[in-house]
Amino acid sequence: MKIYCFYGIGKPTERAYYYKHDPLPGAKSNVSIDTTAMFEDSKVDHGVILGEGDGTVNLLSSAYMCAKGWKMKRYNPSGIKVTSYEMPHEPDRFSPRGGPNTGKSYTDRYIIILCTWLIFTGDHVDILGRSSLNDLILKVAGGKGDTIEDTFFSDIHHYAEKVRIWDDNEEVNPKEVLEKLVERYVDEEKQVEKEMKEKVEEKEPREDMEEKEVEKEVEDEEPRDEQPSAE
């Protein structure tokens, strides 16, 4: 038996949410997604935190076991070989329009656009029409799966190391683990506060500068009293 992990990456994917206390009459929950949470230059869209993935399943959910989990004896006691192959989402890799002498009709161009999307897409569903995925599946079905090599483009190994799961032969001190988790949480909170403070500080000087520019324009437009000549 062998395990093959073929999945798409490079498409913004939901991974977490901002919540707010929102008690509604008759509702079973007193919290809801805070759709007002929007931050400039960040991957937060109406309370939804976006991360790496295939548009449906985030990277950690689809790739953690392939990159690390099944490499542990705890979850793979038989030592089954695991091969991972990431496929970046590249729908615009080539232009489907062709040159000025293509002579393609509208229907032909539509088909080309659709095929080009399927050839290079990493989307959760559309990836089923990707040519490289079909090639990989045919290799496995034809008994040539050993020729497929691990191919990674993402930082999944870096993310996987942050997951607090250990193999059976690793000694773990629960107290140390808890302390590290608390320390990590505090560091993340401090980083968020620092970023928010920097954004506020950047915004304030810009507003002050705009107000000064407006005041200067007003002063320039105001008529000035003519000064008597020295003669």
Protein backbone atom coordinates (compact mmCIF):
# COMPACT_ATOMS: atom_id res chain seq x y z
CA MET A 1 0.00 0.00 0.00
CA LYS A 2 1.12 3.56 -0.79
CA ILE A 3 -0.30 6.98 -0.07
CA TYR A 4 -0.38 9.76 -2.69
CA CYS A 5 -1.39 13.34 -1.85
CA PHE A 6 -2.33 15.47 -4.87
CA TYR A 7 -3.81 18.87 -4.02
CA GLY A 8 -4.00 22.46 -5.22
CA ILE A 9 -2.45 25.53 -3.60
CA GLY A 10 -2.15 29.26 -4.24
CA LYS A 11 -5.81 30.26 -3.98
CA PRO A 12 -7.16 32.38 -1.10
CA THR A 13 -9.05 30.06 1.27
CA GLU A 14 -11.07 30.63 4.44
CA ARG A 15 -9.17 29.52 7.53
CA ALA A 16 -10.48 31.54 10.49
CA TYR A 17 -13.05 34.17 11.44
CA TYR A 18 -13.62 37.25 13.57
CA TYR A 19 -16.64 36.80 15.83
CA LYS A 20 -18.81 39.23 17.77
CA HIS A 21 -21.31 38.82 20.57
CA ASP A 22 -24.64 39.09 18.81
CA PRO A 23 -27.58 37.69 20.81
CA LEU A 24 -30.67 37.45 18.64
CA PRO A 25 -34.16 36.50 19.85
CA GLY A 26 -34.78 32.81 19.22
CA ALA A 27 -31.27 32.15 17.93
CA LYS A 28 -29.40 29.06 19.11
CA SER A 29 -26.07 30.93 19.13
CA ASN A 30 -25.16 34.29 20.63
CA VAL A 31 -22.18 34.90 18.35
CA SER A 32 -21.85 35.66 14.65
CA ILE A 33 -19.13 36.56 12.17
CA ASP A 34 -18.12 40.20 12.48
CA THR A 35 -18.52 41.31 8.86
CA THR A 36 -17.23 44.79 9.76
CA ALA A 37 -13.73 43.40 10.36
CA MET A 38 -11.72 44.77 7.43
CA PHE A 39 -8.02 45.68 7.56
CA GLU A 40 -5.95 47.34 4.87
CA ASP A 41 -3.06 45.33 3.44
CA SER A 42 -4.25 42.16 5.19
CA LYS A 43 -6.01 38.94 4.26
CA VAL A 44 -9.21 39.72 6.13
CA ASP A 45 -12.40 40.09 4.11
CA HIS A 46 -15.59 40.98 6.03
CA GLY A 47 -14.55 39.03 9.10
CA VAL A 48 -13.12 36.09 7.16
CA ILE A 49 -9.39 35.43 7.49
CA LEU A 50 -7.99 34.06 4.25
CA GLY A 51 -4.94 31.86 3.94
CA GLU A 52 -3.21 29.39 1.64
CA GLY A 53 -5.27 26.61 0.08
CA ASP A 54 -7.25 25.49 -2.94
CA GLY A 55 -10.19 27.83 -2.51
CA THR A 56 -12.16 25.35 -0.37
CA VAL A 57 -9.77 23.45 1.92
CA ASN A 58 -6.94 25.36 3.60
CA LEU A 59 -3.38 24.14 3.22
CA LEU A 60 -2.91 22.85 6.76
CA SER A 61 -6.06 20.70 6.53
CA SER A 62 -5.19 19.19 3.16
CA ALA A 63 -1.43 18.78 3.55
CA TYR A 64 -0.46 18.39 7.21
CA MET A 65 -0.89 14.62 7.36
CA CYS A 66 0.92 14.22 4.03
CA ALA A 67 3.87 16.39 5.01
CA LYS A 68 4.26 15.33 8.63
CA GLY A 69 1.41 13.39 10.24
CA TRP A 70 1.82 10.20 8.24
CA LYS A 71 5.58 10.46 8.56
CA MET A 72 5.12 9.66 12.28
CA LYS A 73 5.01 6.07 13.49
CA ARG A 74 2.11 7.06 15.70
CA TYR A 75 -0.17 7.58 12.66
CA ASN A 76 1.66 5.37 10.18
CA PRO A 77 2.92 2.37 12.18
CA SER A 78 3.55 0.30 9.04
CA GLY A 79 5.75 2.97 7.51
CA ILE A 80 3.71 3.26 4.30
CA LYS A 81 5.43 5.50 1.77
CA VAL A 82 3.76 8.91 1.38
CA THR A 83 4.26 11.00 -1.76
CA SER A 84 3.01 14.59 -2.00
CA TYR A 85 2.56 16.67 -5.13
CA GLU A 86 1.39 20.28 -4.91
CA MET A 87 -0.20 21.96 -7.92
CA PRO A 88 -0.19 25.79 -7.90
CA HIS A 89 -3.29 27.63 -9.06
CA GLU A 90 -2.17 29.25 -12.34
CA PRO A 91 -5.25 29.98 -14.48
CA ASP A 92 -3.55 32.96 -16.19
CA ARG A 93 -0.29 31.20 -16.96
CA PHE A 94 -0.93 31.38 -20.72
CA SER A 95 -3.20 33.69 -22.70
CA PRO A 96 -6.06 31.80 -24.37
CA ARG A 97 -6.78 34.62 -26.83
CA GLY A 98 -4.20 33.60 -29.40
CA GLY A 99 -2.64 35.88 -31.99
CA PRO A 100 -4.26 38.13 -34.57
CA ASN A 101 -4.23 35.31 -37.16
CA THR A 102 -5.80 32.57 -35.09
CA GLY A 103 -9.10 32.65 -36.95
CA LYS A 104 -10.90 31.17 -33.92
CA SER A 105 -14.64 31.64 -33.60
CA TYR A 106 -16.26 32.78 -30.35
CA THR A 107 -17.23 29.19 -29.51
CA ASP A 108 -13.69 27.94 -30.16
CA ARG A 109 -12.24 30.67 -27.96
CA TYR A 110 -14.67 29.82 -25.17
CA ILE A 111 -13.56 26.19 -25.30
CA ILE A 112 -9.90 27.24 -25.27
CA ILE A 113 -10.47 29.50 -22.27
CA LEU A 114 -12.23 26.68 -20.41
CA CYS A 115 -9.50 24.16 -21.24
CA THR A 116 -6.73 26.58 -20.28
CA TRP A 117 -8.43 27.16 -16.92
CA LEU A 118 -8.69 23.43 -16.28
CA ILE A 119 -5.10 22.75 -17.35
CA PHE A 120 -3.54 25.09 -14.79
CA THR A 121 -6.17 25.55 -12.09
CA GLY A 122 -5.59 24.51 -8.49
CA ASP A 123 -9.23 24.98 -7.51
CA HIS A 124 -10.72 22.33 -5.21
CA VAL A 125 -13.20 21.08 -7.85
CA ASP A 126 -11.80 22.27 -11.18
CA ILE A 127 -8.48 20.58 -10.46
CA LEU A 128 -10.15 17.32 -11.57
CA GLY A 129 -9.77 18.57 -15.14
CA ARG A 130 -6.12 19.52 -14.76
CA SER A 131 -3.88 17.64 -17.20
CA SER A 132 -0.98 17.20 -14.75
CA LEU A 133 -3.33 15.64 -12.19
CA ASN A 134 -4.64 13.20 -14.79
CA ASP A 135 -1.04 12.30 -15.69
CA LEU A 136 -0.26 11.58 -12.04
CA ILE A 137 -3.35 9.42 -11.63
CA LEU A 138 -2.52 7.46 -14.78
CA LYS A 139 1.03 6.86 -13.49
CA VAL A 140 -0.32 5.47 -10.21
CA ALA A 141 -2.94 3.34 -11.98
CA GLY A 142 -0.31 2.06 -14.42
CA GLY A 143 2.06 0.96 -11.67
CA LYS A 144 4.51 3.83 -12.26
CA GLY A 145 3.76 5.70 -9.05
CA ASP A 146 7.35 5.24 -7.89
CA THR A 147 8.45 7.71 -10.57
CA ILE A 148 6.49 10.53 -8.87
CA GLU A 149 8.69 12.64 -6.60
CA ASP A 150 7.67 14.87 -3.69
CA THR A 151 6.94 18.34 -5.07
CA PHE A 152 6.32 21.24 -2.70
CA PHE A 153 5.83 24.93 -3.47
CA SER A 154 4.21 26.06 -0.22
CA ASP A 155 5.57 26.46 3.32
CA ILE A 156 3.64 23.48 4.62
CA HIS A 157 6.66 22.02 6.46
CA HIS A 158 7.13 25.31 8.32
CA TYR A 159 3.44 25.38 9.27
CA ALA A 160 3.43 21.69 10.22
CA GLU A 161 6.24 22.18 12.73
CA LYS A 162 4.04 24.63 14.63
CA VAL A 163 1.36 21.99 15.21
CA ARG A 164 1.73 20.58 18.73
CA ILE A 165 1.50 16.89 17.91
CA TRP A 166 4.33 14.51 18.77
CA ASP A 167 5.28 10.98 17.88
CA ASP A 168 4.97 8.19 20.45
CA ASN A 169 8.73 8.00 20.98
CA GLU A 170 9.05 11.72 21.76
CA GLU A 171 9.14 12.78 25.38
CA VAL A 172 6.75 15.63 26.09
CA ASN A 173 6.46 17.73 29.22
CA PRO A 174 2.83 18.98 29.42
CA LYS A 175 3.83 21.97 31.54
CA GLU A 176 6.43 23.09 28.99
CA VAL A 177 3.94 22.63 26.15
CA LEU A 178 1.35 24.77 27.93
CA GLU A 179 3.91 27.47 28.67
CA LYS A 180 5.01 27.56 25.03
CA LEU A 181 1.40 27.79 23.85
CA VAL A 182 0.70 30.69 26.21
CA GLU A 183 3.93 32.39 25.16
CA ARG A 184 3.06 31.96 21.49
CA TYR A 185 -0.44 33.34 22.05
CA VAL A 186 0.91 36.39 23.89
CA ASP A 187 3.49 37.03 21.15
CA GLU A 188 0.81 36.86 18.47
CA GLU A 189 -1.42 39.26 20.39
CA LYS A 190 1.47 41.69 20.80
CA GLN A 191 2.25 41.46 17.09
CA VAL A 192 -1.37 42.24 16.17
CA GLU A 193 -1.44 45.22 18.55
CA LYS A 194 1.86 46.48 17.11
CA GLU A 195 0.59 46.25 13.53
CA MET A 196 -2.65 48.03 14.39
CA LYS A 197 -0.75 50.78 16.22
CA GLU A 198 1.60 51.27 13.26
CA LYS A 199 -1.35 51.58 10.89
CA VAL A 200 -2.97 54.21 13.12
CA GLU A 201 0.29 56.16 13.41
CA GLU A 202 0.75 56.06 9.64
CA LYS A 203 -2.78 57.30 9.08
CA GLU A 204 -2.61 60.26 11.51
CA PRO A 205 0.39 62.07 9.91
CA ARG A 206 -1.23 61.65 6.51
CA GLU A 207 -4.44 63.29 7.74
CA ASP A 208 -2.49 66.13 9.39
CA MET A 209 -0.59 66.71 6.17
CA GLU A 210 -3.80 66.83 4.14
CA GLU A 211 -5.32 69.37 6.58
CA LYS A 212 -2.22 71.57 6.31
CA GLU A 213 -2.36 71.42 2.53
CA VAL A 214 -6.01 72.48 2.58
CA GLU A 215 -5.21 75.37 4.97
CA LYS A 216 -2.37 76.49 2.70
CA GLU A 217 -4.63 76.45 -0.36
CA VAL A 218 -7.20 78.55 1.51
CA GLU A 219 -4.55 81.06 2.54
CA ASP A 220 -3.27 81.31 -1.02
CA GLU A 221 -6.78 82.02 -2.29
CA GLU A 222 -7.48 84.76 0.30
CA PRO A 223 -6.89 88.32 -1.06
CA ARG A 224 -3.91 90.05 0.46
CA ASP A 225 -3.78 93.77 1.35
CA GLU A 226 -1.48 95.67 -1.00
CA GLN A 227 1.54 96.98 0.81
CA PRO A 228 2.44 100.71 0.18
CA SER A 229 5.48 101.14 -1.99
CA ALA A 230 8.70 102.42 -0.44
CA GLU A 231 8.64 105.39 -2.85
